Amino acid sequence: MPASSDTAAQLRTSGTARARRTVLISGAGVAGPALAHWLHRYGFTVTVVERAPQLRAGGYKVDIRGAAIDVVERMGLLEDIRRLSTDMRTGAYVDGDGKRIATLPAEIFGGRTGRDDEVMRGDLARLLYARTRSDVEYVFGDSITSMTSTPITAPAGDDRGDGTSGVEVAFERGAPRRFDLVVGADGLHSTVRRLAFGPEERYLRHLGAYISAFSVPNALGLDREELYHALPGKLTCVYRSAGDPTAKGMLAFRSPRLAYDHRDTGHQRALLKRAFAGDGWQIPRLLEAAPEVDDFYFDGMQLIEMDHWSRGRVVLLGDAAHCASPASGQGTGMALVGAYVLAGELAAADGDPTAAFARYEAEMRGYVAANHALAEKFAREMTVTSRWQIRLRMLMLRMLPYMPWKDAVAKKIAEEVQRAAQAITLKDYPAPAAHGATARPAAASGPRPGPRAYAA
């Protein structure tokens, strides 16, 4: 497998070159491949395991704001993001008959300013995968079942036998393997978090609402426009982005915690149908389309709150560590920023997990707290419970385009989102060779397989 031309084959350790370290990442969404990109550049050998049989290409549109845009630029992907932009033009609230009550620029709805952009989650996942697949081992159709710390032993002449500990990992399908580090980038319902830290219930806080999103026929003939319809305790959206032949539907509703299997989409569709039964506008059409699509998503608006994101040589990243729920609009940005920080701290600490994980948490905690606060606020505002609140909001939005101070109001609307998006100062993490390490080729460890899926 080809090595990168910059730093792929070296990593310093106390001024002495050594073989590159091995990292297993669970999850091939956004956080996992983003981390793989940076770790490869710093000379780590990376494997990504993904439960799905292939890349998950679906998903809603996601914002890349503030610090996340800076990370994308440092990754060399900013031009790709511009090319993949949803290019949304306007957003509007409509009444039950579909009449537009208030129409505003899409940036106001998204809280985007300056260089911020928006892409489809599936497009971003494909981009990150395409940029890493030749340098990173991807294993699809498999999942971690257990992790056990074990001493690393090495054959004579191999300088990896340094008395440190590795992690012996067992898989559902593949043979057991040993890695220096394991990263859980496997989302809200993280398997790695459950295995290393215990049941999900210890860390999950429900924000009082559920959300569903999926593809639908573009029956309204939308072109880079999103339409919202609000009901007490509910919000529905239909939109179509640039270059997408289909539209996307979103339904959110207030509810106490519901009992269901997060992999049982049939039960989830039933819960959605029950929540919106009898409602008007495009809702019956959306409910009719839900059972026919393969990109159906349903989950709670929930936070993951943990005192620590690491244990030994296992660390969590993105939603697995600190999910801020779709209400924040910042999950993708937090994943990109977290990947940059975690990889940079591992490189700066010469791969020492104790030092690197502590610094990673110290850098990220304030940023995460700001975005959790944003999620709590928006989860309430997305699904306001009274008709008078909805009427007041519609009145204000209808008047906004005619106000002489409309630009100042629009800026104020975006300020809270921007404070959270920029609530971290990115450090510069130089390449390992810049620290004065004596570089040499990595010790041979045999051929590494490329992207593959285990046979069933």
Foldseek 3Di string as FASTA:
>chain_A
DDADPAAQFWAFDPQATAFAFEEEEEDLFQLRLLLLLLLNLQHHAYEYEYQAQDQQQAAAKFKQAAVSLVLCVVSVCLVVQVVQFLPFAKEFEAEQVRHTLFIDGVCLVVLHDDSMTMHGSSSSSVVSCVVCQVRHAYAYNKDWDAKDKDQDDDDPPHPPNPRDIWIWTDMPPDHIDIGRFYEFAPAQCTPLCCRPPNDSVVFKDFLFKKKKKFWAAPPVPAESYKYWYADAQKIKIWHGGPPDRIIMIMIMGGDPDDDDDQVPVVVVLVVLCVRCPPGGDCVVRVSVCQVVGDNMHMDTQMWGDDPFQDDRRYGYAQNHHTNLGVLLSCRSNRSSQLSVQLSLLCSVNSNDCVRSRVVSCVQCVQLSVLSNVSSSVSSCVNNHRDPVVVVVVSVCSSCLVVDPCNVVVSNVSSVSSNCSSNVGDDDDRDRSVVVVHDTDGRDDDDDDDGYDYDDD
